[in-house]
């Protein structure tokens, strides 16, 4: 499906793309929630560290677990609800380009993994959204999704 066909499809269904400020706030809310969840899971380990250097080293060792938690959170909520908690709060959702429904589990997983990679590369994948008419990030493009206002 070409870019013009997708835009026509959205207009026909009276669906509007979510703007950057809403997406940013949803991202911020999700990051706070995941960080809080991570701290709650590992609070015992954090409390056992005797100094700041030990705490930093411990957190550095847990980076992989943080990424796995973020991928699991993003995948589940996007697949099951079409939106993470941050997106629900901001009244936006993720839809599949093909049928404008919730993305499949594989597209949701792909989207979550590429989102982590995009964050790791100085958020370039997010900046990409400013350069196209569908406001697609790298994870939207590879996941074959769009972020739209709730309709």
N, C-alpha and C. Protein backbone atom coordinates (compact mmCIF):
# COMPACT_ATOMS: atom_id res chain seq x y z
N UNK A 1 0.85 -1.17 0.00
CA UNK A 1 0.00 0.00 0.00
C UNK A 1 0.90 1.24 0.00
N UNK A 2 0.62 2.14 -0.91
CA UNK A 2 1.44 3.34 -1.02
C UNK A 2 1.07 4.35 0.06
N UNK A 3 1.93 5.32 0.24
CA UNK A 3 1.70 6.35 1.25
C UNK A 3 0.41 7.12 0.96
N UNK A 4 0.18 7.45 -0.30
CA UNK A 4 -1.05 8.17 -0.65
C UNK A 4 -2.29 7.33 -0.38
N UNK A 5 -2.22 6.04 -0.66
CA UNK A 5 -3.36 5.16 -0.40
C UNK A 5 -3.68 5.09 1.09
N UNK A 6 -2.64 5.06 1.90
CA UNK A 6 -2.84 5.01 3.35
C UNK A 6 -3.49 6.30 3.85
N UNK A 7 -3.02 7.42 3.35
CA UNK A 7 -3.58 8.71 3.76
C UNK A 7 -5.04 8.82 3.33
N UNK A 8 -5.37 8.37 2.13
CA UNK A 8 -6.76 8.38 1.65
C UNK A 8 -7.61 7.47 2.54
N UNK A 9 -7.07 6.30 2.89
CA UNK A 9 -7.80 5.36 3.76
C UNK A 9 -8.10 6.00 5.12
N UNK A 10 -7.12 6.70 5.69
CA UNK A 10 -7.32 7.36 6.97
C UNK A 10 -8.38 8.46 6.85
N UNK A 11 -8.32 9.24 5.79
CA UNK A 11 -9.30 10.31 5.59
C UNK A 11 -10.71 9.73 5.40
N UNK A 12 -10.80 8.63 4.66
CA UNK A 12 -12.10 7.99 4.41
C UNK A 12 -12.71 7.50 5.73
N UNK A 13 -11.87 7.01 6.63
CA UNK A 13 -12.35 6.51 7.93
C UNK A 13 -12.42 7.62 8.98
N UNK A 14 -12.08 8.84 8.59
CA UNK A 14 -12.09 10.00 9.49
C UNK A 14 -11.15 9.80 10.68
N UNK A 15 -9.94 9.30 10.38
CA UNK A 15 -8.92 9.04 11.39
C UNK A 15 -7.80 10.05 11.21
N UNK A 16 -7.38 10.65 12.32
CA UNK A 16 -6.29 11.62 12.25
C UNK A 16 -5.06 11.06 12.95
N UNK A 17 -3.91 11.42 12.43
CA UNK A 17 -2.64 10.98 13.02
C UNK A 17 -2.37 11.75 14.31
N UNK A 18 -1.82 11.08 15.28
CA UNK A 18 -1.48 11.71 16.56
C UNK A 18 -0.31 12.67 16.34
N UNK A 19 -0.39 13.82 16.96
CA UNK A 19 0.67 14.82 16.84
C UNK A 19 1.81 14.52 17.81
N UNK A 20 2.96 15.10 17.52
CA UNK A 20 4.16 14.85 18.30
C UNK A 20 4.00 15.12 19.80
N UNK A 21 3.40 16.23 20.23
CA UNK A 21 3.30 16.47 21.67
C UNK A 21 2.56 15.36 22.42
N UNK A 22 1.49 14.83 21.83
CA UNK A 22 0.75 13.74 22.47
C UNK A 22 1.61 12.48 22.54
N UNK A 23 2.32 12.20 21.46
CA UNK A 23 3.17 11.01 21.43
C UNK A 23 4.31 11.15 22.44
N UNK A 24 4.88 12.34 22.54
CA UNK A 24 5.97 12.56 23.50
C UNK A 24 5.48 12.37 24.93
N UNK A 25 4.33 12.93 25.25
CA UNK A 25 3.79 12.79 26.62
C UNK A 25 3.46 11.33 26.93
N UNK A 26 2.92 10.61 25.95
CA UNK A 26 2.64 9.18 26.15
C UNK A 26 3.94 8.42 26.40
N UNK A 27 4.98 8.75 25.63
CA UNK A 27 6.29 8.12 25.81
C UNK A 27 6.82 8.41 27.21
N UNK A 28 6.71 9.64 27.64
CA UNK A 28 7.20 10.05 28.96
C UNK A 28 6.46 9.29 30.07
N UNK A 29 5.15 9.20 29.96
CA UNK A 29 4.35 8.47 30.95
C UNK A 29 4.77 7.00 31.00
N UNK A 30 4.94 6.40 29.83
CA UNK A 30 5.35 4.99 29.78
C UNK A 30 6.73 4.78 30.40
N UNK A 31 7.65 5.70 30.13
CA UNK A 31 9.00 5.58 30.70
C UNK A 31 8.95 5.67 32.22
N UNK A 32 8.12 6.56 32.74
CA UNK A 32 7.97 6.69 34.20
C UNK A 32 7.40 5.40 34.78
N UNK A 33 6.36 4.86 34.14
CA UNK A 33 5.73 3.63 34.64
C UNK A 33 6.69 2.45 34.62
N UNK A 34 7.42 2.27 33.52
CA UNK A 34 8.35 1.15 33.41
C UNK A 34 9.50 1.33 34.42
N UNK A 35 9.98 2.54 34.58
CA UNK A 35 11.04 2.80 35.55
C UNK A 35 10.57 2.49 36.96
N UNK A 36 9.37 2.91 37.28
CA UNK A 36 8.80 2.64 38.60
C UNK A 36 8.66 1.13 38.82
N UNK A 37 8.16 0.42 37.81
CA UNK A 37 8.01 -1.03 37.91
C UNK A 37 9.37 -1.69 38.11
N UNK A 38 10.37 -1.24 37.37
CA UNK A 38 11.72 -1.78 37.51
C UNK A 38 12.26 -1.57 38.92
N UNK A 39 12.08 -0.37 39.45
CA UNK A 39 12.56 -0.07 40.80
C UNK A 39 11.83 -0.95 41.82
N UNK A 40 10.53 -1.14 41.63
CA UNK A 40 9.77 -1.98 42.57
C UNK A 40 10.28 -3.42 42.54
N UNK A 41 10.64 -3.92 41.37
CA UNK A 41 11.13 -5.29 41.25
C UNK A 41 12.50 -5.44 41.91
N UNK A 42 13.36 -4.45 41.73
CA UNK A 42 14.74 -4.55 42.19
C UNK A 42 15.07 -3.69 43.41
N UNK A 43 14.07 -3.24 44.14
CA UNK A 43 14.31 -2.35 45.27
C UNK A 43 15.19 -3.03 46.33
N UNK A 44 15.01 -4.33 46.54
CA UNK A 44 15.82 -5.04 47.52
C UNK A 44 17.29 -5.01 47.15
N UNK A 45 17.59 -5.23 45.88
CA UNK A 45 18.99 -5.20 45.42
C UNK A 45 19.57 -3.80 45.53
N UNK A 46 18.76 -2.81 45.20
CA UNK A 46 19.23 -1.42 45.25
C UNK A 46 19.54 -1.02 46.69
N UNK A 47 18.68 -1.43 47.61
CA UNK A 47 18.89 -1.08 49.02
C UNK A 47 20.12 -1.75 49.61
N UNK A 48 20.49 -2.91 49.08
CA UNK A 48 21.65 -3.64 49.61
C UNK A 48 22.99 -3.03 49.20
N UNK A 49 22.98 -2.20 48.16
CA UNK A 49 24.25 -1.60 47.72
C UNK A 49 24.72 -0.59 48.77
N UNK A 50 26.03 -0.60 49.01
CA UNK A 50 26.56 0.20 50.10
C UNK A 50 26.96 1.62 49.71
N UNK A 51 27.16 1.87 48.40
CA UNK A 51 27.52 3.23 47.97
C UNK A 51 26.99 3.47 46.55
N UNK A 52 27.10 4.69 46.10
CA UNK A 52 26.55 5.07 44.80
C UNK A 52 27.22 4.33 43.65
N UNK A 53 28.52 4.12 43.76
CA UNK A 53 29.25 3.41 42.70
C UNK A 53 28.74 1.98 42.55
N UNK A 54 28.51 1.33 43.67
CA UNK A 54 27.99 -0.04 43.64
C UNK A 54 26.58 -0.06 43.05
N UNK A 55 25.78 0.93 43.38
CA UNK A 55 24.42 1.04 42.84
C UNK A 55 24.46 1.22 41.32
N UNK A 56 25.32 2.11 40.85
CA UNK A 56 25.45 2.35 39.41
C UNK A 56 25.91 1.09 38.69
N UNK A 57 26.89 0.40 39.25
CA UNK A 57 27.36 -0.85 38.63
C UNK A 57 26.27 -1.90 38.57
N UNK A 58 25.48 -2.00 39.64
CA UNK A 58 24.39 -2.96 39.66
C UNK A 58 23.35 -2.63 38.60
N UNK A 59 23.00 -1.36 38.47
CA UNK A 59 22.01 -0.95 37.47
C UNK A 59 22.54 -1.18 36.06
N UNK A 60 23.83 -0.92 35.85
CA UNK A 60 24.43 -1.19 34.54
C UNK A 60 24.35 -2.68 34.18
N UNK A 61 24.49 -3.53 35.17
CA UNK A 61 24.38 -4.97 34.93
C UNK A 61 22.94 -5.38 34.61
N UNK A 62 21.98 -4.56 35.00
CA UNK A 62 20.57 -4.89 34.80
C UNK A 62 19.97 -4.23 33.55
N UNK A 63 20.78 -3.57 32.75
CA UNK A 63 20.28 -2.87 31.56
C UNK A 63 19.52 -3.82 30.63
N UNK A 64 20.04 -5.03 30.45
CA UNK A 64 19.37 -6.00 29.58
C UNK A 64 17.97 -6.31 30.12
N UNK A 65 17.84 -6.43 31.44
CA UNK A 65 16.53 -6.70 32.03
C UNK A 65 15.58 -5.52 31.86
N UNK A 66 16.11 -4.33 31.92
CA UNK A 66 15.29 -3.14 31.67
C UNK A 66 14.76 -3.17 30.24
N UNK A 67 15.63 -3.49 29.30
CA UNK A 67 15.20 -3.56 27.89
C UNK A 67 14.14 -4.64 27.69
N UNK A 68 14.34 -5.80 28.32
CA UNK A 68 13.36 -6.88 28.19
C UNK A 68 12.02 -6.45 28.78
N UNK A 69 12.05 -5.78 29.92
CA UNK A 69 10.81 -5.28 30.54
C UNK A 69 10.11 -4.29 29.62
N UNK A 70 10.87 -3.39 29.01
CA UNK A 70 10.28 -2.41 28.10
C UNK A 70 9.67 -3.08 26.87
N UNK A 71 10.37 -4.07 26.31
CA UNK A 71 9.85 -4.79 25.14
C UNK A 71 8.58 -5.54 25.51
N UNK A 72 8.57 -6.20 26.66
CA UNK A 72 7.39 -6.95 27.09
C UNK A 72 6.20 -6.00 27.30
N UNK A 73 6.45 -4.89 27.96
CA UNK A 73 5.39 -3.89 28.22
C UNK A 73 4.80 -3.37 26.91
N UNK A 74 5.69 -2.91 26.03
CA UNK A 74 5.23 -2.35 24.75
C UNK A 74 4.49 -3.40 23.92
N UNK A 75 5.07 -4.59 23.83
CA UNK A 75 4.47 -5.64 23.00
C UNK A 75 3.08 -6.01 23.50
N UNK A 76 2.97 -6.31 24.78
CA UNK A 76 1.68 -6.75 25.32
C UNK A 76 0.60 -5.69 25.15
N UNK A 77 0.89 -4.48 25.60
CA UNK A 77 -0.15 -3.45 25.57
C UNK A 77 -0.54 -3.06 24.15
N UNK A 78 0.42 -2.95 23.25
CA UNK A 78 0.09 -2.57 21.86
C UNK A 78 -0.68 -3.69 21.19
N UNK A 79 -0.28 -4.93 21.43
CA UNK A 79 -0.98 -6.07 20.82
C UNK A 79 -2.38 -6.24 21.41
N UNK A 80 -2.50 -6.21 22.74
CA UNK A 80 -3.76 -6.52 23.38
C UNK A 80 -4.75 -5.35 23.37
N UNK A 81 -4.26 -4.15 23.64
CA UNK A 81 -5.13 -2.97 23.75
C UNK A 81 -4.99 -1.98 22.60
N UNK A 82 -3.94 -2.11 21.82
CA UNK A 82 -3.69 -1.13 20.77
C UNK A 82 -3.03 0.12 21.30
N UNK A 83 -2.69 0.12 22.57
CA UNK A 83 -2.07 1.30 23.19
C UNK A 83 -1.44 0.92 24.52
N UNK A 84 -0.35 1.60 24.85
CA UNK A 84 0.24 1.46 26.17
C UNK A 84 -0.57 2.33 27.14
N UNK A 85 -0.25 2.24 28.42
CA UNK A 85 -0.97 3.06 29.39
C UNK A 85 -0.80 4.56 29.11
N UNK A 86 0.40 4.95 28.70
CA UNK A 86 0.64 6.35 28.34
C UNK A 86 -0.22 6.79 27.16
N UNK A 87 -0.31 5.94 26.16
CA UNK A 87 -1.13 6.26 24.99
C UNK A 87 -2.61 6.30 25.36
N UNK A 88 -3.05 5.38 26.20
CA UNK A 88 -4.44 5.38 26.64
C UNK A 88 -4.75 6.71 27.34
N UNK A 89 -3.86 7.13 28.23
CA UNK A 89 -4.04 8.38 28.95
C UNK A 89 -4.09 9.57 27.99
N UNK A 90 -3.27 9.53 26.94
CA UNK A 90 -3.22 10.64 25.98
C UNK A 90 -4.26 10.51 24.85
N UNK A 91 -5.06 9.46 24.91
CA UNK A 91 -6.13 9.23 23.93
C UNK A 91 -5.60 9.06 22.50
N UNK A 92 -4.54 8.26 22.41
CA UNK A 92 -4.01 7.87 21.11
C UNK A 92 -3.83 6.37 21.11
N UNK A 93 -3.71 5.79 19.91
CA UNK A 93 -3.51 4.34 19.84
C UNK A 93 -2.71 3.97 18.61
N UNK A 94 -2.24 2.75 18.63
CA UNK A 94 -1.45 2.20 17.54
C UNK A 94 -2.36 1.31 16.70
N UNK A 95 -2.35 1.54 15.38
CA UNK A 95 -3.15 0.70 14.49
C UNK A 95 -2.27 0.13 13.39
N UNK A 96 -2.67 -1.02 12.91
CA UNK A 96 -2.00 -1.64 11.78
C UNK A 96 -2.35 -0.88 10.51
N UNK A 97 -1.38 -0.69 9.65
CA UNK A 97 -1.63 0.00 8.38
C UNK A 97 -2.62 -0.79 7.52
N UNK A 98 -2.57 -2.11 7.61
CA UNK A 98 -3.37 -2.96 6.74
C UNK A 98 -4.87 -2.87 7.01
N UNK A 99 -5.27 -2.95 8.29
CA UNK A 99 -6.70 -3.02 8.58
C UNK A 99 -7.18 -2.00 9.62
N UNK A 100 -6.29 -1.14 10.08
CA UNK A 100 -6.59 -0.10 11.08
C UNK A 100 -7.09 -0.69 12.40
N UNK A 101 -6.69 -1.93 12.69
CA UNK A 101 -7.00 -2.59 13.96
C UNK A 101 -5.72 -2.71 14.78
N UNK A 102 -5.82 -3.32 15.96
CA UNK A 102 -4.62 -3.55 16.78
C UNK A 102 -3.61 -4.36 15.97
N UNK A 103 -2.33 -4.04 16.10
CA UNK A 103 -1.31 -4.82 15.41
C UNK A 103 -1.25 -6.26 15.93
N UNK A 104 -0.78 -7.16 15.09
CA UNK A 104 -0.60 -8.55 15.51
C UNK A 104 0.50 -8.63 16.57
N UNK A 105 0.61 -9.76 17.21
CA UNK A 105 1.65 -9.94 18.23
C UNK A 105 3.04 -9.80 17.62
N UNK A 106 3.24 -10.31 16.40
CA UNK A 106 4.56 -10.22 15.76
C UNK A 106 4.89 -8.78 15.38
N UNK A 107 3.91 -8.05 14.86
CA UNK A 107 4.15 -6.64 14.53
C UNK A 107 4.39 -5.82 15.80
N UNK A 108 3.68 -6.16 16.87
CA UNK A 108 3.87 -5.46 18.14
C UNK A 108 5.26 -5.74 18.71
N UNK A 109 5.69 -6.99 18.62
CA UNK A 109 7.03 -7.36 19.10
C UNK A 109 8.11 -6.68 18.27
N UNK A 110 7.95 -6.72 16.96
CA UNK A 110 8.90 -6.04 16.07
C UNK A 110 8.98 -4.57 16.41
N UNK A 111 7.84 -3.94 16.59
CA UNK A 111 7.76 -2.52 16.91
C UNK A 111 8.49 -2.22 18.22
N UNK A 112 8.29 -3.06 19.23
CA UNK A 112 8.90 -2.84 20.54
C UNK A 112 10.42 -2.98 20.47
N UNK A 113 10.91 -3.98 19.74
CA UNK A 113 12.35 -4.20 19.63
C UNK A 113 13.01 -3.05 18.88
N UNK A 114 12.42 -2.64 17.77
CA UNK A 114 13.01 -1.54 16.99
C UNK A 114 12.93 -0.23 17.78
N UNK A 115 11.93 -0.08 18.60
CA UNK A 115 11.81 1.11 19.46
C UNK A 115 13.01 1.19 20.41
N UNK A 116 13.39 0.07 20.99
CA UNK A 116 14.56 0.03 21.90
C UNK A 116 15.83 0.37 21.11
N UNK A 117 15.97 -0.20 19.93
CA UNK A 117 17.15 0.09 19.10
C UNK A 117 17.19 1.57 18.73
N UNK A 118 16.04 2.13 18.42
CA UNK A 118 15.95 3.54 18.06
C UNK A 118 16.37 4.43 19.23
N UNK A 119 15.97 4.07 20.44
CA UNK A 119 16.38 4.82 21.63
C UNK A 119 17.90 4.74 21.80
N UNK A 120 18.45 3.58 21.53
CA UNK A 120 19.89 3.36 21.73
C UNK A 120 20.75 4.14 20.75
N UNK A 121 20.16 4.50 19.61
CA UNK A 121 20.91 5.23 18.58
C UNK A 121 20.47 6.69 18.61
N UNK A 122 20.57 7.29 19.78
CA UNK A 122 20.31 8.72 19.97
C UNK A 122 18.92 9.16 19.50
N UNK A 123 17.96 8.29 19.59
CA UNK A 123 16.56 8.59 19.25
C UNK A 123 16.37 9.00 17.79
N UNK A 124 17.28 8.60 16.94
CA UNK A 124 17.18 8.96 15.52
C UNK A 124 15.89 8.42 14.91
N UNK A 125 15.50 7.21 15.32
CA UNK A 125 14.27 6.63 14.80
C UNK A 125 13.03 7.42 15.16
N UNK A 126 13.09 8.14 16.28
CA UNK A 126 11.97 8.99 16.67
C UNK A 126 11.98 10.28 15.84
N UNK A 127 13.17 10.82 15.64
CA UNK A 127 13.31 12.05 14.86
C UNK A 127 12.81 11.85 13.43
N UNK A 128 12.93 10.62 12.95
CA UNK A 128 12.47 10.26 11.61
C UNK A 128 11.01 10.65 11.39
N UNK A 129 10.21 10.65 12.44
CA UNK A 129 8.78 10.98 12.34
C UNK A 129 8.54 12.40 11.84
N UNK A 130 9.51 13.28 12.03
CA UNK A 130 9.36 14.65 11.56
C UNK A 130 9.55 14.76 10.05
N UNK A 131 10.07 13.70 9.43
CA UNK A 131 10.46 13.78 8.03
C UNK A 131 9.51 13.07 7.08
N UNK A 132 8.36 12.64 7.54
CA UNK A 132 7.43 12.01 6.61
C UNK A 132 5.99 12.40 6.94
N UNK A 133 5.14 12.29 5.95
CA UNK A 133 3.77 12.79 6.09
C UNK A 133 2.92 11.95 7.04
N UNK A 134 3.28 10.69 7.25
CA UNK A 134 2.50 9.83 8.15
C UNK A 134 3.02 9.87 9.58
N UNK A 135 4.04 10.69 9.83
CA UNK A 135 4.62 10.82 11.18
C UNK A 135 5.09 9.48 11.72
N UNK A 136 5.67 8.66 10.85
CA UNK A 136 6.14 7.34 11.24
C UNK A 136 7.55 7.38 11.82
N UNK A 137 7.72 6.72 12.95
CA UNK A 137 9.05 6.49 13.50
C UNK A 137 9.58 5.21 12.86
N UNK A 138 10.82 4.87 13.18
CA UNK A 138 11.36 3.60 12.66
C UNK A 138 10.52 2.43 13.14
N UNK A 139 10.11 2.47 14.40
CA UNK A 139 9.34 1.33 14.91
C UNK A 139 7.94 1.28 14.31
N UNK A 140 7.39 2.41 13.91
CA UNK A 140 6.12 2.39 13.19
C UNK A 140 6.31 1.77 11.81
N UNK A 141 7.37 2.19 11.14
CA UNK A 141 7.64 1.72 9.78
C UNK A 141 7.87 0.21 9.75
N UNK A 142 8.74 -0.30 10.63
CA UNK A 142 9.02 -1.74 10.62
C UNK A 142 7.86 -2.56 11.17
N UNK A 143 7.09 -1.99 12.07
CA UNK A 143 5.94 -2.68 12.63
C UNK A 143 4.68 -2.54 11.79
N UNK A 144 4.78 -1.79 10.70
CA UNK A 144 3.65 -1.52 9.80
C UNK A 144 2.45 -0.97 10.59
N UNK A 145 2.76 0.08 11.37
CA UNK A 145 1.74 0.69 12.22
C UNK A 145 1.73 2.21 12.06
N UNK A 146 0.67 2.80 12.54
CA UNK A 146 0.54 4.25 12.65
C UNK A 146 0.00 4.56 14.05
N UNK A 147 0.32 5.74 14.55
CA UNK A 147 -0.25 6.18 15.82
C UNK A 147 -1.29 7.24 15.50
N UNK A 148 -2.51 6.97 15.94
CA UNK A 148 -3.63 7.84 15.58
C UNK A 148 -4.36 8.30 16.83
N UNK A 149 -5.14 9.35 16.66
CA UNK A 149 -6.01 9.80 17.75
C UNK A 149 -7.14 8.80 17.90
N UNK A 150 -7.62 8.63 19.13
CA UNK A 150 -8.71 7.70 19.37
C UNK A 150 -9.93 8.20 18.61
N UNK A 151 -10.56 7.30 17.93
CA UNK A 151 -11.74 7.67 17.12
C UNK A 151 -12.99 7.02 17.62
